[in-house]
Amino acid sequence: MGLGGAEAEDVFVAALLHDIGKIGFPGELLRKPVNAMNAEQLVVYRRHPKLGADALSKIEGLAGI
């Protein structure tokens, strides 16, 4: 991908943290396969990367990740 060392490290850490936005999800949604979710559940599910990014952006040192 042509990334430098620091950029590659950021991508690696981001991959480890990408599901952090699911923390507030109800257990029912976490246990349900994505292909079995209704339209409303999919809207909530698809927001989890943004929710995680918003939460992590407030932590110094993770903001750029």
N, C-alpha and C. Protein backbone atom coordinates (compact mmCIF):
# COMPACT_ATOMS: atom_id res chain seq x y z
N MET A 1 0.81 -1.19 0.00
CA MET A 1 0.00 0.00 0.00
C MET A 1 0.85 1.26 0.00
N GLY A 2 2.14 1.10 0.13
CA GLY A 2 3.03 2.24 0.09
C GLY A 2 3.00 3.11 1.34
N LEU A 3 2.58 2.55 2.47
CA LEU A 3 2.52 3.32 3.71
C LEU A 3 3.88 3.31 4.40
N GLY A 4 4.16 4.41 5.09
CA GLY A 4 5.36 4.47 5.91
C GLY A 4 5.13 3.69 7.21
N GLY A 5 6.16 3.55 8.00
CA GLY A 5 6.07 2.78 9.24
C GLY A 5 5.01 3.29 10.19
N ALA A 6 4.95 4.60 10.42
CA ALA A 6 3.97 5.17 11.34
C ALA A 6 2.55 5.02 10.80
N GLU A 7 2.39 5.21 9.50
CA GLU A 7 1.06 5.06 8.90
C GLU A 7 0.59 3.62 8.98
N ALA A 8 1.49 2.68 8.71
CA ALA A 8 1.14 1.26 8.80
C ALA A 8 0.76 0.89 10.22
N GLU A 9 1.46 1.43 11.19
CA GLU A 9 1.13 1.19 12.60
C GLU A 9 -0.25 1.73 12.94
N ASP A 10 -0.58 2.92 12.44
CA ASP A 10 -1.90 3.50 12.67
C ASP A 10 -3.00 2.62 12.08
N VAL A 11 -2.78 2.10 10.89
CA VAL A 11 -3.77 1.22 10.26
C VAL A 11 -3.92 -0.07 11.08
N PHE A 12 -2.82 -0.60 11.58
CA PHE A 12 -2.86 -1.81 12.40
C PHE A 12 -3.67 -1.58 13.67
N VAL A 13 -3.41 -0.48 14.36
CA VAL A 13 -4.15 -0.17 15.60
C VAL A 13 -5.62 0.09 15.28
N ALA A 14 -5.90 0.81 14.21
CA ALA A 14 -7.28 1.07 13.82
C ALA A 14 -8.04 -0.23 13.56
N ALA A 15 -7.38 -1.18 12.94
CA ALA A 15 -8.02 -2.47 12.68
C ALA A 15 -8.37 -3.19 13.98
N LEU A 16 -7.49 -3.08 14.97
CA LEU A 16 -7.75 -3.70 16.26
C LEU A 16 -8.94 -3.06 16.98
N LEU A 17 -9.14 -1.77 16.74
CA LEU A 17 -10.16 -1.01 17.46
C LEU A 17 -11.44 -0.76 16.67
N HIS A 18 -11.54 -1.29 15.46
CA HIS A 18 -12.63 -0.89 14.57
C HIS A 18 -14.03 -1.22 15.09
N ASP A 19 -14.17 -2.18 15.98
CA ASP A 19 -15.50 -2.52 16.50
C ASP A 19 -15.83 -1.85 17.83
N ILE A 20 -15.00 -0.94 18.29
CA ILE A 20 -15.21 -0.28 19.57
C ILE A 20 -16.56 0.44 19.62
N GLY A 21 -17.07 0.85 18.49
CA GLY A 21 -18.37 1.53 18.43
C GLY A 21 -19.55 0.64 18.76
N LYS A 22 -19.33 -0.65 18.87
CA LYS A 22 -20.41 -1.58 19.23
C LYS A 22 -20.65 -1.66 20.73
N ILE A 23 -19.84 -0.95 21.52
CA ILE A 23 -19.94 -1.04 22.97
C ILE A 23 -21.36 -0.77 23.47
N GLY A 24 -22.04 0.20 22.93
CA GLY A 24 -23.37 0.55 23.40
C GLY A 24 -24.50 -0.25 22.77
N PHE A 25 -24.19 -1.20 21.91
CA PHE A 25 -25.23 -1.98 21.25
C PHE A 25 -25.94 -2.90 22.24
N PRO A 26 -27.24 -3.10 22.08
CA PRO A 26 -27.93 -4.09 22.90
C PRO A 26 -27.42 -5.49 22.55
N GLY A 27 -27.42 -6.38 23.53
CA GLY A 27 -26.93 -7.75 23.32
C GLY A 27 -27.60 -8.46 22.16
N GLU A 28 -28.91 -8.21 22.00
CA GLU A 28 -29.66 -8.85 20.91
C GLU A 28 -29.05 -8.52 19.55
N LEU A 29 -28.65 -7.27 19.38
CA LEU A 29 -28.07 -6.85 18.10
C LEU A 29 -26.67 -7.45 17.91
N LEU A 30 -25.91 -7.54 18.98
CA LEU A 30 -24.57 -8.11 18.88
C LEU A 30 -24.59 -9.59 18.51
N ARG A 31 -25.61 -10.29 18.95
CA ARG A 31 -25.70 -11.73 18.68
C ARG A 31 -26.32 -12.06 17.32
N LYS A 32 -26.95 -11.09 16.71
CA LYS A 32 -27.68 -11.34 15.46
C LYS A 32 -26.74 -11.23 14.26
N PRO A 33 -26.77 -12.20 13.36
CA PRO A 33 -25.96 -12.09 12.14
C PRO A 33 -26.42 -10.89 11.30
N VAL A 34 -25.49 -10.23 10.67
CA VAL A 34 -25.81 -9.03 9.87
C VAL A 34 -26.85 -9.35 8.81
N ASN A 35 -26.75 -10.50 8.18
CA ASN A 35 -27.70 -10.83 7.10
C ASN A 35 -29.10 -11.15 7.63
N ALA A 36 -29.29 -11.21 8.95
CA ALA A 36 -30.61 -11.43 9.53
C ALA A 36 -31.20 -10.15 10.12
N MET A 37 -30.48 -9.04 10.04
CA MET A 37 -30.95 -7.78 10.62
C MET A 37 -31.99 -7.13 9.72
N ASN A 38 -32.97 -6.48 10.37
CA ASN A 38 -33.95 -5.72 9.60
C ASN A 38 -33.35 -4.36 9.26
N ALA A 39 -34.07 -3.55 8.50
CA ALA A 39 -33.55 -2.27 8.02
C ALA A 39 -33.15 -1.35 9.17
N GLU A 40 -33.96 -1.28 10.20
CA GLU A 40 -33.67 -0.41 11.34
C GLU A 40 -32.40 -0.86 12.07
N GLN A 41 -32.24 -2.15 12.26
CA GLN A 41 -31.05 -2.69 12.91
C GLN A 41 -29.80 -2.44 12.07
N LEU A 42 -29.93 -2.55 10.76
CA LEU A 42 -28.79 -2.30 9.88
C LEU A 42 -28.32 -0.85 9.96
N VAL A 43 -29.26 0.07 10.10
CA VAL A 43 -28.89 1.49 10.23
C VAL A 43 -28.03 1.67 11.47
N VAL A 44 -28.45 1.09 12.58
CA VAL A 44 -27.69 1.17 13.83
C VAL A 44 -26.34 0.50 13.67
N TYR A 45 -26.33 -0.70 13.12
CA TYR A 45 -25.10 -1.47 12.95
C TYR A 45 -24.08 -0.73 12.09
N ARG A 46 -24.55 -0.15 11.03
CA ARG A 46 -23.63 0.51 10.09
C ARG A 46 -23.03 1.79 10.65
N ARG A 47 -23.57 2.28 11.75
CA ARG A 47 -23.01 3.48 12.38
C ARG A 47 -21.86 3.16 13.32
N HIS A 48 -21.61 1.88 13.63
CA HIS A 48 -20.61 1.56 14.66
C HIS A 48 -19.20 2.05 14.33
N PRO A 49 -18.73 2.05 13.10
CA PRO A 49 -17.39 2.58 12.86
C PRO A 49 -17.29 4.08 13.19
N LYS A 50 -18.32 4.83 12.85
CA LYS A 50 -18.33 6.27 13.14
C LYS A 50 -18.40 6.51 14.65
N LEU A 51 -19.22 5.74 15.36
CA LEU A 51 -19.32 5.89 16.81
C LEU A 51 -17.97 5.61 17.47
N GLY A 52 -17.31 4.57 17.01
CA GLY A 52 -15.99 4.24 17.54
C GLY A 52 -14.96 5.31 17.24
N ALA A 53 -14.98 5.81 16.01
CA ALA A 53 -14.03 6.86 15.63
C ALA A 53 -14.26 8.12 16.46
N ASP A 54 -15.51 8.46 16.69
CA ASP A 54 -15.83 9.64 17.51
C ASP A 54 -15.31 9.48 18.94
N ALA A 55 -15.51 8.30 19.51
CA ALA A 55 -15.06 8.04 20.88
C ALA A 55 -13.53 8.08 20.97
N LEU A 56 -12.87 7.44 20.03
CA LEU A 56 -11.41 7.36 20.07
C LEU A 56 -10.74 8.70 19.74
N SER A 57 -11.41 9.53 18.98
CA SER A 57 -10.82 10.82 18.60
C SER A 57 -10.61 11.73 19.80
N LYS A 58 -11.29 11.44 20.89
CA LYS A 58 -11.18 12.26 22.10
C LYS A 58 -10.01 11.82 22.99
N ILE A 59 -9.36 10.74 22.62
CA ILE A 59 -8.24 10.22 23.41
C ILE A 59 -6.94 10.66 22.74
N GLU A 60 -6.16 11.43 23.49
CA GLU A 60 -4.88 11.90 22.95
C GLU A 60 -4.03 10.69 22.58
N GLY A 61 -3.44 10.72 21.45
CA GLY A 61 -2.63 9.61 20.98
C GLY A 61 -3.38 8.67 20.05
N LEU A 62 -4.71 8.70 20.12
CA LEU A 62 -5.51 7.86 19.23
C LEU A 62 -6.28 8.71 18.20
N ALA A 63 -6.26 10.00 18.38
CA ALA A 63 -7.04 10.88 17.52
C ALA A 63 -6.74 10.69 16.03
N GLY A 64 -5.49 10.50 15.70
CA GLY A 64 -5.11 10.34 14.30
C GLY A 64 -5.40 8.96 13.73
N ILE A 65 -5.64 8.02 14.60
CA ILE A 65 -5.89 6.65 14.17
C ILE A 65 -7.33 6.51 13.77
